[in-house]
Amino acid sequence: MIKLRSCYVKDFHGKWEMNKELTQSHVLIAVTRGKIIYWVNDESIFLQRGDVLFIPAGSIRGGTSLEEHQRYATHFTPEAHDRSLLPLLMDQRYCKTTISGFEYFKQRFLLLKHHWLMHGPYSEASCFAILLELLGIINYERDKWKLPAKKIDMAEDVKAYVLQHYKEPVTLNDLSGYTGRTPNHISHAFKSVTGLSPIEYLHHVRISKAKELMFDKRMPMSEIAEETGFCDQAYFNRIFKKLTGCSPTAFLKGRTD
């Protein structure tokens, strides 16, 4: 299982600079505000909001800021058998890409940080699952050139619609009306780009939002279910357990023990 070494969000208001040094573990960086320059081995890499950078262990890295910035970062070490899970872990080369659905990626990264800091009974498994998802998204973004541009554009439209309307009932017919494509076409095209069906993506967005509300506002479960677009609490509980492996109550108890 992939082992997290650290996970953090940092705001830099003054000049930031890091001398070049050997990277002991894999590093994943997402820039959420501002602009920075990273050096990986002998290459200079420009990063701004929406960009992510994967740096494999054994690289020489350093960096400097071009302006005030914020970045999310995690350091991790995969076991030998984990490397076969994704091409990114097998290549052993740095990868810079721009995440098209960056708000969702940012939400998941923030949830990864929460699990890392809370050290609950499910933290290790949750961190593994979320980090693997983030790395999978990077692989999809990197490989997008292999897919038709029209499929990619349609998938991005669907993502944008879901992120804007996740509190409301969202059906394939709604997405069909929004994109002008048939429900069947939307399902196949979206899954070929993202690895999820549109409804699966909707569920992930809603559960991610629900976890944020659990962390930040301590709302009753019934209110959280309503706020995140589920028709009733029983349905919310069922989807939550399907995606996380535990009930909302058990999840929240694990965060507060």
C-alpha atoms as a PDB file:
ATOM      1  CA  MET A   1       0.000   0.000   0.000  1.00  0.00           C
ATOM      2  CA  ILE A   2       1.200   3.519  -0.788  1.00  0.00           C
ATOM      3  CA  LYS A   3       2.490   5.187   2.399  1.00  0.00           C
ATOM      4  CA  LEU A   4       1.979   8.906   2.911  1.00  0.00           C
ATOM      5  CA  ARG A   5       4.931  10.708   4.492  1.00  0.00           C
ATOM      6  CA  SER A   6       3.303  14.144   4.679  1.00  0.00           C
ATOM      7  CA  CYS A   7       0.403  16.126   3.246  1.00  0.00           C
ATOM      8  CA  TYR A   8      -0.079  19.872   3.612  1.00  0.00           C
ATOM      9  CA  VAL A   9      -1.424  23.152   2.260  1.00  0.00           C
ATOM     10  CA  LYS A  10       0.888  26.154   2.429  1.00  0.00           C
ATOM     11  CA  ASP A  11       0.405  29.850   1.709  1.00  0.00           C
ATOM     12  CA  PHE A  12       3.525  31.800   0.787  1.00  0.00           C
ATOM     13  CA  HIS A  13       3.176  35.577   1.097  1.00  0.00           C
ATOM     14  CA  GLY A  14       6.823  36.520   0.678  1.00  0.00           C
ATOM     15  CA  LYS A  15       9.679  35.243  -1.410  1.00  0.00           C
ATOM     16  CA  TRP A  16      10.000  31.459  -1.355  1.00  0.00           C
ATOM     17  CA  GLU A  17      13.053  29.561  -2.487  1.00  0.00           C
ATOM     18  CA  MET A  18      14.241  25.985  -2.025  1.00  0.00           C
ATOM     19  CA  ASN A  19      17.783  24.908  -2.782  1.00  0.00           C
ATOM     20  CA  LYS A  20      18.205  21.901  -5.028  1.00  0.00           C
ATOM     21  CA  GLU A  21      18.258  18.647  -3.077  1.00  0.00           C
ATOM     22  CA  LEU A  22      17.673  14.926  -3.544  1.00  0.00           C
ATOM     23  CA  THR A  23      14.031  13.893  -3.279  1.00  0.00           C
ATOM     24  CA  GLN A  24      13.726  10.946  -0.891  1.00  0.00           C
ATOM     25  CA  SER A  25      10.112  10.071  -1.751  1.00  0.00           C
ATOM     26  CA  HIS A  26       7.618  10.755  -4.523  1.00  0.00           C
ATOM     27  CA  VAL A  27       6.149  14.270  -4.424  1.00  0.00           C
ATOM     28  CA  LEU A  28       2.836  15.522  -5.799  1.00  0.00           C
ATOM     29  CA  ILE A  29       2.299  19.291  -5.973  1.00  0.00           C
ATOM     30  CA  ALA A  30      -0.814  21.234  -7.008  1.00  0.00           C
ATOM     31  CA  VAL A  31      -0.647  25.012  -7.386  1.00  0.00           C
ATOM     32  CA  THR A  32      -3.933  26.623  -6.334  1.00  0.00           C
ATOM     33  CA  ARG A  33      -2.880  30.280  -6.516  1.00  0.00           C
ATOM     34  CA  GLY A  34       0.036  32.275  -7.925  1.00  0.00           C
ATOM     35  CA  LYS A  35       3.043  31.237 -10.004  1.00  0.00           C
ATOM     36  CA  ILE A  36       6.241  29.331  -9.185  1.00  0.00           C
ATOM     37  CA  ILE A  37       9.216  27.765 -10.928  1.00  0.00           C
ATOM     38  CA  TYR A  38      10.326  24.248 -10.049  1.00  0.00           C
ATOM     39  CA  TRP A  39      13.569  22.629 -11.088  1.00  0.00           C
ATOM     40  CA  VAL A  40      13.585  18.862 -11.568  1.00  0.00           C
ATOM     41  CA  ASN A  41      17.048  17.546 -12.387  1.00  0.00           C
ATOM     42  CA  ASP A  42      18.202  19.914 -15.152  1.00  0.00           C
ATOM     43  CA  GLU A  43      14.778  21.142 -16.295  1.00  0.00           C
ATOM     44  CA  SER A  44      12.916  24.331 -15.319  1.00  0.00           C
ATOM     45  CA  ILE A  45       9.139  23.908 -14.948  1.00  0.00           C
ATOM     46  CA  PHE A  46       6.650  26.791 -14.756  1.00  0.00           C
ATOM     47  CA  LEU A  47       3.568  26.176 -12.589  1.00  0.00           C
ATOM     48  CA  GLN A  48       0.441  28.252 -12.040  1.00  0.00           C
ATOM     49  CA  ARG A  49      -3.112  27.689 -10.775  1.00  0.00           C
ATOM     50  CA  GLY A  50      -4.504  24.413 -12.092  1.00  0.00           C
ATOM     51  CA  ASP A  51      -1.092  22.856 -12.726  1.00  0.00           C
ATOM     52  CA  VAL A  52       0.116  19.722 -10.950  1.00  0.00           C
ATOM     53  CA  LEU A  53       3.608  18.271 -10.837  1.00  0.00           C
ATOM     54  CA  PHE A  54       4.613  14.720  -9.995  1.00  0.00           C
ATOM     55  CA  ILE A  55       8.279  14.306  -9.005  1.00  0.00           C
ATOM     56  CA  PRO A  56       9.593  10.756  -8.568  1.00  0.00           C
ATOM     57  CA  ALA A  57      11.925   9.789  -5.735  1.00  0.00           C
ATOM     58  CA  GLY A  58      15.587  10.125  -6.610  1.00  0.00           C
ATOM     59  CA  SER A  59      15.137  13.376  -8.534  1.00  0.00           C
ATOM     60  CA  ILE A  60      17.022  16.556  -7.747  1.00  0.00           C
ATOM     61  CA  ARG A  61      14.449  19.255  -7.075  1.00  0.00           C
ATOM     62  CA  GLY A  62      14.331  22.887  -6.078  1.00  0.00           C
ATOM     63  CA  GLY A  63      12.164  25.914  -6.677  1.00  0.00           C
ATOM     64  CA  THR A  64      11.441  29.603  -6.376  1.00  0.00           C
ATOM     65  CA  SER A  65       8.314  31.753  -6.345  1.00  0.00           C
ATOM     66  CA  LEU A  66       7.427  34.358  -8.942  1.00  0.00           C
ATOM     67  CA  GLU A  67       4.715  35.863  -6.729  1.00  0.00           C
ATOM     68  CA  GLU A  68       2.641  35.042  -3.664  1.00  0.00           C
ATOM     69  CA  HIS A  69       1.218  31.566  -4.046  1.00  0.00           C
ATOM     70  CA  GLN A  70      -0.552  28.634  -2.437  1.00  0.00           C
ATOM     71  CA  ARG A  71       0.196  25.010  -3.111  1.00  0.00           C
ATOM     72  CA  TYR A  72      -1.002  21.612  -1.955  1.00  0.00           C
ATOM     73  CA  ALA A  73       1.636  18.910  -1.613  1.00  0.00           C
ATOM     74  CA  THR A  74       2.019  15.334  -0.483  1.00  0.00           C
ATOM     75  CA  HIS A  75       5.095  13.121  -0.139  1.00  0.00           C
ATOM     76  CA  PHE A  76       4.567   9.384  -0.459  1.00  0.00           C
ATOM     77  CA  THR A  77       6.310   6.081  -1.031  1.00  0.00           C
ATOM     78  CA  PRO A  78       4.706   3.240  -3.014  1.00  0.00           C
ATOM     79  CA  GLU A  79       5.600  -0.367  -2.346  1.00  0.00           C
ATOM     80  CA  ALA A  80       7.078  -2.324  -5.257  1.00  0.00           C
ATOM     81  CA  HIS A  81       3.779  -3.931  -6.273  1.00  0.00           C
ATOM     82  CA  ASP A  82       1.997  -0.535  -6.202  1.00  0.00           C
ATOM     83  CA  ARG A  83       4.046   0.727  -9.135  1.00  0.00           C
ATOM     84  CA  SER A  84       2.172  -1.503 -11.556  1.00  0.00           C
ATOM     85  CA  LEU A  85      -1.118   0.206 -10.669  1.00  0.00           C
ATOM     86  CA  LEU A  86      -0.476   3.273 -12.845  1.00  0.00           C
ATOM     87  CA  PRO A  87       1.900   4.183 -15.688  1.00  0.00           C
ATOM     88  CA  LEU A  88       2.852   7.323 -13.768  1.00  0.00           C
ATOM     89  CA  LEU A  89       4.449   5.233 -11.022  1.00  0.00           C
ATOM     90  CA  MET A  90       6.209   2.954 -13.481  1.00  0.00           C
ATOM     91  CA  ASP A  91       7.757   5.648 -15.701  1.00  0.00           C
ATOM     92  CA  GLN A  92       9.923   7.149 -12.956  1.00  0.00           C
ATOM     93  CA  ARG A  93       9.877  10.475 -14.798  1.00  0.00           C
ATOM     94  CA  TYR A  94       8.461  13.785 -13.666  1.00  0.00           C
ATOM     95  CA  CYS A  95       5.059  14.729 -15.068  1.00  0.00           C
ATOM     96  CA  LYS A  96       3.551  18.194 -15.291  1.00  0.00           C
ATOM     97  CA  THR A  97      -0.022  18.594 -16.469  1.00  0.00           C
ATOM     98  CA  THR A  98      -2.949  20.974 -16.178  1.00  0.00           C
ATOM     99  CA  ILE A  99      -6.055  19.549 -14.534  1.00  0.00           C
ATOM    100  CA  SER A 100      -9.204  20.513 -16.418  1.00  0.00           C
ATOM    101  CA  GLY A 101     -11.582  19.669 -13.556  1.00  0.00           C
ATOM    102  CA  PHE A 102      -9.316  21.376 -11.057  1.00  0.00           C
ATOM    103  CA  GLU A 103     -11.949  22.256  -8.436  1.00  0.00           C
ATOM    104  CA  TYR A 104     -12.809  18.586  -7.994  1.00  0.00           C
ATOM    105  CA  PHE A 105      -9.101  17.666  -7.890  1.00  0.00           C
ATOM    106  CA  LYS A 106      -8.524  20.370  -5.270  1.00  0.00           C
ATOM    107  CA  GLN A 107     -11.430  19.106  -3.144  1.00  0.00           C
ATOM    108  CA  ARG A 108     -10.045  15.580  -3.185  1.00  0.00           C
ATOM    109  CA  PHE A 109      -6.550  16.816  -2.316  1.00  0.00           C
ATOM    110  CA  LEU A 110      -7.984  18.781   0.610  1.00  0.00           C
ATOM    111  CA  LEU A 111      -9.810  15.683   1.818  1.00  0.00           C
ATOM    112  CA  LEU A 112      -6.534  13.752   1.587  1.00  0.00           C
ATOM    113  CA  LYS A 113      -4.975  16.325   3.910  1.00  0.00           C
ATOM    114  CA  HIS A 114      -7.866  15.971   6.375  1.00  0.00           C
ATOM    115  CA  HIS A 115      -7.456  12.192   6.539  1.00  0.00           C
ATOM    116  CA  TRP A 116      -3.699  12.533   6.964  1.00  0.00           C
ATOM    117  CA  LEU A 117      -4.047  14.974   9.875  1.00  0.00           C
ATOM    118  CA  MET A 118      -6.919  13.247  11.699  1.00  0.00           C
ATOM    119  CA  HIS A 119      -5.268   9.793  11.950  1.00  0.00           C
ATOM    120  CA  GLY A 120      -8.606   8.011  12.359  1.00  0.00           C
ATOM    121  CA  PRO A 121      -9.147   4.240  12.145  1.00  0.00           C
ATOM    122  CA  TYR A 122      -9.757   4.411   8.380  1.00  0.00           C
ATOM    123  CA  SER A 123      -7.156   7.054   7.570  1.00  0.00           C
ATOM    124  CA  GLU A 124      -4.563   4.801   5.961  1.00  0.00           C
ATOM    125  CA  ALA A 125      -7.049   3.131   3.621  1.00  0.00           C
ATOM    126  CA  SER A 126      -8.762   6.434   2.827  1.00  0.00           C
ATOM    127  CA  CYS A 127      -5.455   8.153   2.054  1.00  0.00           C
ATOM    128  CA  PHE A 128      -4.460   5.288  -0.232  1.00  0.00           C
ATOM    129  CA  ALA A 129      -7.758   5.449  -2.122  1.00  0.00           C
ATOM    130  CA  ILE A 130      -7.778   9.227  -2.538  1.00  0.00           C
ATOM    131  CA  LEU A 131      -4.123   9.464  -3.533  1.00  0.00           C
ATOM    132  CA  LEU A 132      -4.587   6.687  -6.076  1.00  0.00           C
ATOM    133  CA  GLU A 133      -7.553   8.600  -7.502  1.00  0.00           C
ATOM    134  CA  LEU A 134      -5.496  11.803  -7.780  1.00  0.00           C
ATOM    135  CA  LEU A 135      -2.691   9.965  -9.550  1.00  0.00           C
ATOM    136  CA  GLY A 136      -5.250   8.319 -11.806  1.00  0.00           C
ATOM    137  CA  ILE A 137      -6.649  11.731 -12.762  1.00  0.00           C
ATOM    138  CA  ILE A 138      -3.143  12.876 -13.673  1.00  0.00           C
ATOM    139  CA  ASN A 139      -2.720   9.803 -15.864  1.00  0.00           C
ATOM    140  CA  TYR A 140      -6.005  10.556 -17.620  1.00  0.00           C
ATOM    141  CA  GLU A 141      -4.967  14.172 -18.213  1.00  0.00           C
ATOM    142  CA  ARG A 142      -1.588  13.083 -19.530  1.00  0.00           C
ATOM    143  CA  ASP A 143      -3.142  10.580 -21.921  1.00  0.00           C
ATOM    144  CA  LYS A 144      -5.939  12.829 -23.174  1.00  0.00           C
ATOM    145  CA  TRP A 145      -4.219  13.462 -26.475  1.00  0.00           C
ATOM    146  CA  LYS A 146      -5.118   9.893 -27.401  1.00  0.00           C
ATOM    147  CA  LEU A 147      -8.850  10.711 -27.175  1.00  0.00           C
ATOM    148  CA  PRO A 148     -10.941  12.718 -29.657  1.00  0.00           C
ATOM    149  CA  ALA A 149     -11.140  16.389 -28.693  1.00  0.00           C
ATOM    150  CA  LYS A 150     -14.949  16.362 -28.934  1.00  0.00           C
ATOM    151  CA  LYS A 151     -15.170  13.618 -26.284  1.00  0.00           C
ATOM    152  CA  ILE A 152     -12.885  15.549 -23.962  1.00  0.00           C
ATOM    153  CA  ASP A 153     -14.818  18.795 -24.410  1.00  0.00           C
ATOM    154  CA  MET A 154     -18.128  17.053 -23.759  1.00  0.00           C
ATOM    155  CA  ALA A 155     -16.758  15.385 -20.597  1.00  0.00           C
ATOM    156  CA  GLU A 156     -15.545  18.765 -19.321  1.00  0.00           C
ATOM    157  CA  ASP A 157     -18.994  20.252 -19.978  1.00  0.00           C
ATOM    158  CA  VAL A 158     -20.590  17.424 -17.990  1.00  0.00           C
ATOM    159  CA  LYS A 159     -18.148  17.938 -15.103  1.00  0.00           C
ATOM    160  CA  ALA A 160     -18.874  21.670 -15.032  1.00  0.00           C
ATOM    161  CA  TYR A 161     -22.632  21.032 -15.024  1.00  0.00           C
ATOM    162  CA  VAL A 162     -22.379  18.499 -12.191  1.00  0.00           C
ATOM    163  CA  LEU A 163     -20.201  20.775 -10.040  1.00  0.00           C
ATOM    164  CA  GLN A 164     -22.691  23.608 -10.513  1.00  0.00           C
ATOM    165  CA  HIS A 165     -25.870  21.558 -10.002  1.00  0.00           C
ATOM    166  CA  TYR A 166     -24.883  18.721  -7.623  1.00  0.00           C
ATOM    167  CA  LYS A 167     -27.394  19.981  -4.999  1.00  0.00           C
ATOM    168  CA  GLU A 168     -30.212  19.447  -7.495  1.00  0.00           C
ATOM    169  CA  PRO A 169     -31.611  16.248  -9.049  1.00  0.00           C
ATOM    170  CA  VAL A 170     -29.269  15.474 -11.964  1.00  0.00           C
ATOM    171  CA  THR A 171     -30.228  12.853 -14.553  1.00  0.00           C
ATOM    172  CA  LEU A 172     -28.768  11.659 -17.837  1.00  0.00           C
ATOM    173  CA  ASN A 173     -31.690  13.405 -19.549  1.00  0.00           C
ATOM    174  CA  ASP A 174     -30.625  16.687 -17.939  1.00  0.00           C
ATOM    175  CA  LEU A 175     -27.085  16.172 -19.223  1.00  0.00           C
ATOM    176  CA  SER A 176     -28.489  15.221 -22.630  1.00  0.00           C
ATOM    177  CA  GLY A 177     -30.412  18.474 -22.821  1.00  0.00           C
ATOM    178  CA  TYR A 178     -27.369  20.444 -21.698  1.00  0.00           C
ATOM    179  CA  THR A 179     -24.893  18.878 -24.138  1.00  0.00           C
ATOM    180  CA  GLY A 180     -27.196  18.068 -27.047  1.00  0.00           C
ATOM    181  CA  ARG A 181     -26.080  14.410 -27.063  1.00  0.00           C
ATOM    182  CA  THR A 182     -28.041  11.247 -26.305  1.00  0.00           C
ATOM    183  CA  PRO A 183     -27.850   9.798 -22.779  1.00  0.00           C
ATOM    184  CA  ASN A 184     -26.172   6.657 -24.103  1.00  0.00           C
ATOM    185  CA  HIS A 185     -23.519   8.652 -25.960  1.00  0.00           C
ATOM    186  CA  ILE A 186     -22.849  10.787 -22.880  1.00  0.00           C
ATOM    187  CA  SER A 187     -22.388   7.720 -20.652  1.00  0.00           C
ATOM    188  CA  HIS A 188     -19.924   5.985 -22.970  1.00  0.00           C
ATOM    189  CA  ALA A 189     -17.949   9.117 -23.859  1.00  0.00           C
ATOM    190  CA  PHE A 190     -17.727  10.391 -20.294  1.00  0.00           C
ATOM    191  CA  LYS A 191     -16.524   7.040 -18.964  1.00  0.00           C
ATOM    192  CA  SER A 192     -13.891   6.745 -21.710  1.00  0.00           C
ATOM    193  CA  VAL A 193     -12.440  10.091 -20.591  1.00  0.00           C
ATOM    194  CA  THR A 194     -12.831   9.921 -16.801  1.00  0.00           C
ATOM    195  CA  GLY A 195     -13.176   6.218 -15.941  1.00  0.00           C
ATOM    196  CA  LEU A 196     -16.519   6.955 -14.237  1.00  0.00           C
ATOM    197  CA  SER A 197     -20.093   7.169 -15.428  1.00  0.00           C
ATOM    198  CA  PRO A 198     -21.697  10.627 -15.079  1.00  0.00           C
ATOM    199  CA  ILE A 199     -23.821   9.414 -12.151  1.00  0.00           C
ATOM    200  CA  GLU A 200     -20.788   7.857 -10.438  1.00  0.00           C
ATOM    201  CA  TYR A 201     -18.982  11.183 -10.837  1.00  0.00           C
ATOM    202  CA  LEU A 202     -22.017  12.979  -9.372  1.00  0.00           C
ATOM    203  CA  HIS A 203     -21.947  10.648  -6.362  1.00  0.00           C
ATOM    204  CA  HIS A 204     -18.231  11.273  -5.802  1.00  0.00           C
ATOM    205  CA  VAL A 205     -18.771  15.044  -5.922  1.00  0.00           C
ATOM    206  CA  ARG A 206     -21.698  14.867  -3.494  1.00  0.00           C
ATOM    207  CA  ILE A 207     -19.888  12.626  -0.997  1.00  0.00           C
ATOM    208  CA  SER A 208     -16.792  14.820  -1.185  1.00  0.00           C
ATOM    209  CA  LYS A 209     -18.962  17.851  -0.400  1.00  0.00           C
ATOM    210  CA  ALA A 210     -20.660  15.934   2.410  1.00  0.00           C
ATOM    211  CA  LYS A 211     -17.299  15.176   4.031  1.00  0.00           C
ATOM    212  CA  GLU A 212     -16.367  18.851   3.854  1.00  0.00           C
ATOM    213  CA  LEU A 213     -19.581  19.724   5.704  1.00  0.00           C
ATOM    214  CA  MET A 214     -18.845  17.065   8.337  1.00  0.00           C
ATOM    215  CA  PHE A 215     -15.399  18.534   8.918  1.00  0.00           C
ATOM    216  CA  ASP A 216     -16.276  22.204   8.815  1.00  0.00           C
ATOM    217  CA  LYS A 217     -19.842  22.697  10.045  1.00  0.00           C
ATOM    218  CA  ARG A 218     -20.840  19.647  12.108  1.00  0.00           C
ATOM    219  CA  MET A 219     -24.309  19.686  10.560  1.00  0.00           C
ATOM    220  CA  PRO A 220     -26.879  16.947  11.345  1.00  0.00           C
ATOM    221  CA  MET A 221     -26.700  14.081   8.853  1.00  0.00           C
ATOM    222  CA  SER A 222     -30.212  14.801   7.582  1.00  0.00           C
ATOM    223  CA  GLU A 223     -29.194  18.374   6.702  1.00  0.00           C
ATOM    224  CA  ILE A 224     -25.966  17.206   5.070  1.00  0.00           C
ATOM    225  CA  ALA A 225     -27.945  14.727   2.944  1.00  0.00           C
ATOM    226  CA  GLU A 226     -30.307  17.484   1.842  1.00  0.00           C
ATOM    227  CA  GLU A 227     -27.516  20.002   1.250  1.00  0.00           C
ATOM    228  CA  THR A 228     -25.633  17.600  -1.022  1.00  0.00           C
ATOM    229  CA  GLY A 229     -28.566  16.702  -3.243  1.00  0.00           C
ATOM    230  CA  PHE A 230     -29.628  13.291  -1.915  1.00  0.00           C
ATOM    231  CA  CYS A 231     -33.361  12.649  -1.902  1.00  0.00           C
ATOM    232  CA  ASP A 232     -33.317  11.176   1.608  1.00  0.00           C
ATOM    233  CA  GLN A 233     -30.895  10.237   4.356  1.00  0.00           C
ATOM    234  CA  ALA A 234     -31.195   6.489   3.729  1.00  0.00           C
ATOM    235  CA  TYR A 235     -30.062   6.945   0.126  1.00  0.00           C
ATOM    236  CA  PHE A 236     -27.252   9.230   1.314  1.00  0.00           C
ATOM    237  CA  ASN A 237     -26.140   6.585   3.846  1.00  0.00           C
ATOM    238  CA  ARG A 238     -26.157   3.865   1.190  1.00  0.00           C
ATOM    239  CA  ILE A 239     -24.034   5.831  -1.326  1.00  0.00           C
ATOM    240  CA  PHE A 240     -21.687   7.058   1.415  1.00  0.00           C
ATOM    241  CA  LYS A 241     -20.971   3.516   2.568  1.00  0.00           C
ATOM    242  CA  LYS A 242     -20.545   2.290  -1.011  1.00  0.00           C
ATOM    243  CA  LEU A 243     -17.849   4.909  -1.717  1.00  0.00           C
ATOM    244  CA  THR A 244     -16.082   5.038   1.661  1.00  0.00           C
ATOM    245  CA  GLY A 245     -16.615   1.575   3.155  1.00  0.00           C
ATOM    246  CA  CYS A 246     -18.319   2.883   6.294  1.00  0.00           C
ATOM    247  CA  SER A 247     -21.468   4.710   7.332  1.00  0.00           C
ATOM    248  CA  PRO A 248     -21.471   8.523   7.756  1.00  0.00           C
ATOM    249  CA  THR A 249     -21.806   8.100  11.524  1.00  0.00           C
ATOM    250  CA  ALA A 250     -18.863   5.692  11.747  1.00  0.00           C
ATOM    251  CA  PHE A 251     -16.803   7.956   9.505  1.00  0.00           C
ATOM    252  CA  LEU A 252     -17.520  11.013  11.651  1.00  0.00           C
ATOM    253  CA  LYS A 253     -16.877   9.070  14.872  1.00  0.00           C
ATOM    254  CA  GLY A 254     -13.508   8.033  13.498  1.00  0.00           C
ATOM    255  CA  ARG A 255     -12.661  11.680  12.890  1.00  0.00           C
ATOM    256  CA  THR A 256     -13.597  12.813  16.400  1.00  0.00           C
ATOM    257  CA  ASP A 257     -12.235   9.991  18.599  1.00  0.00           C
END
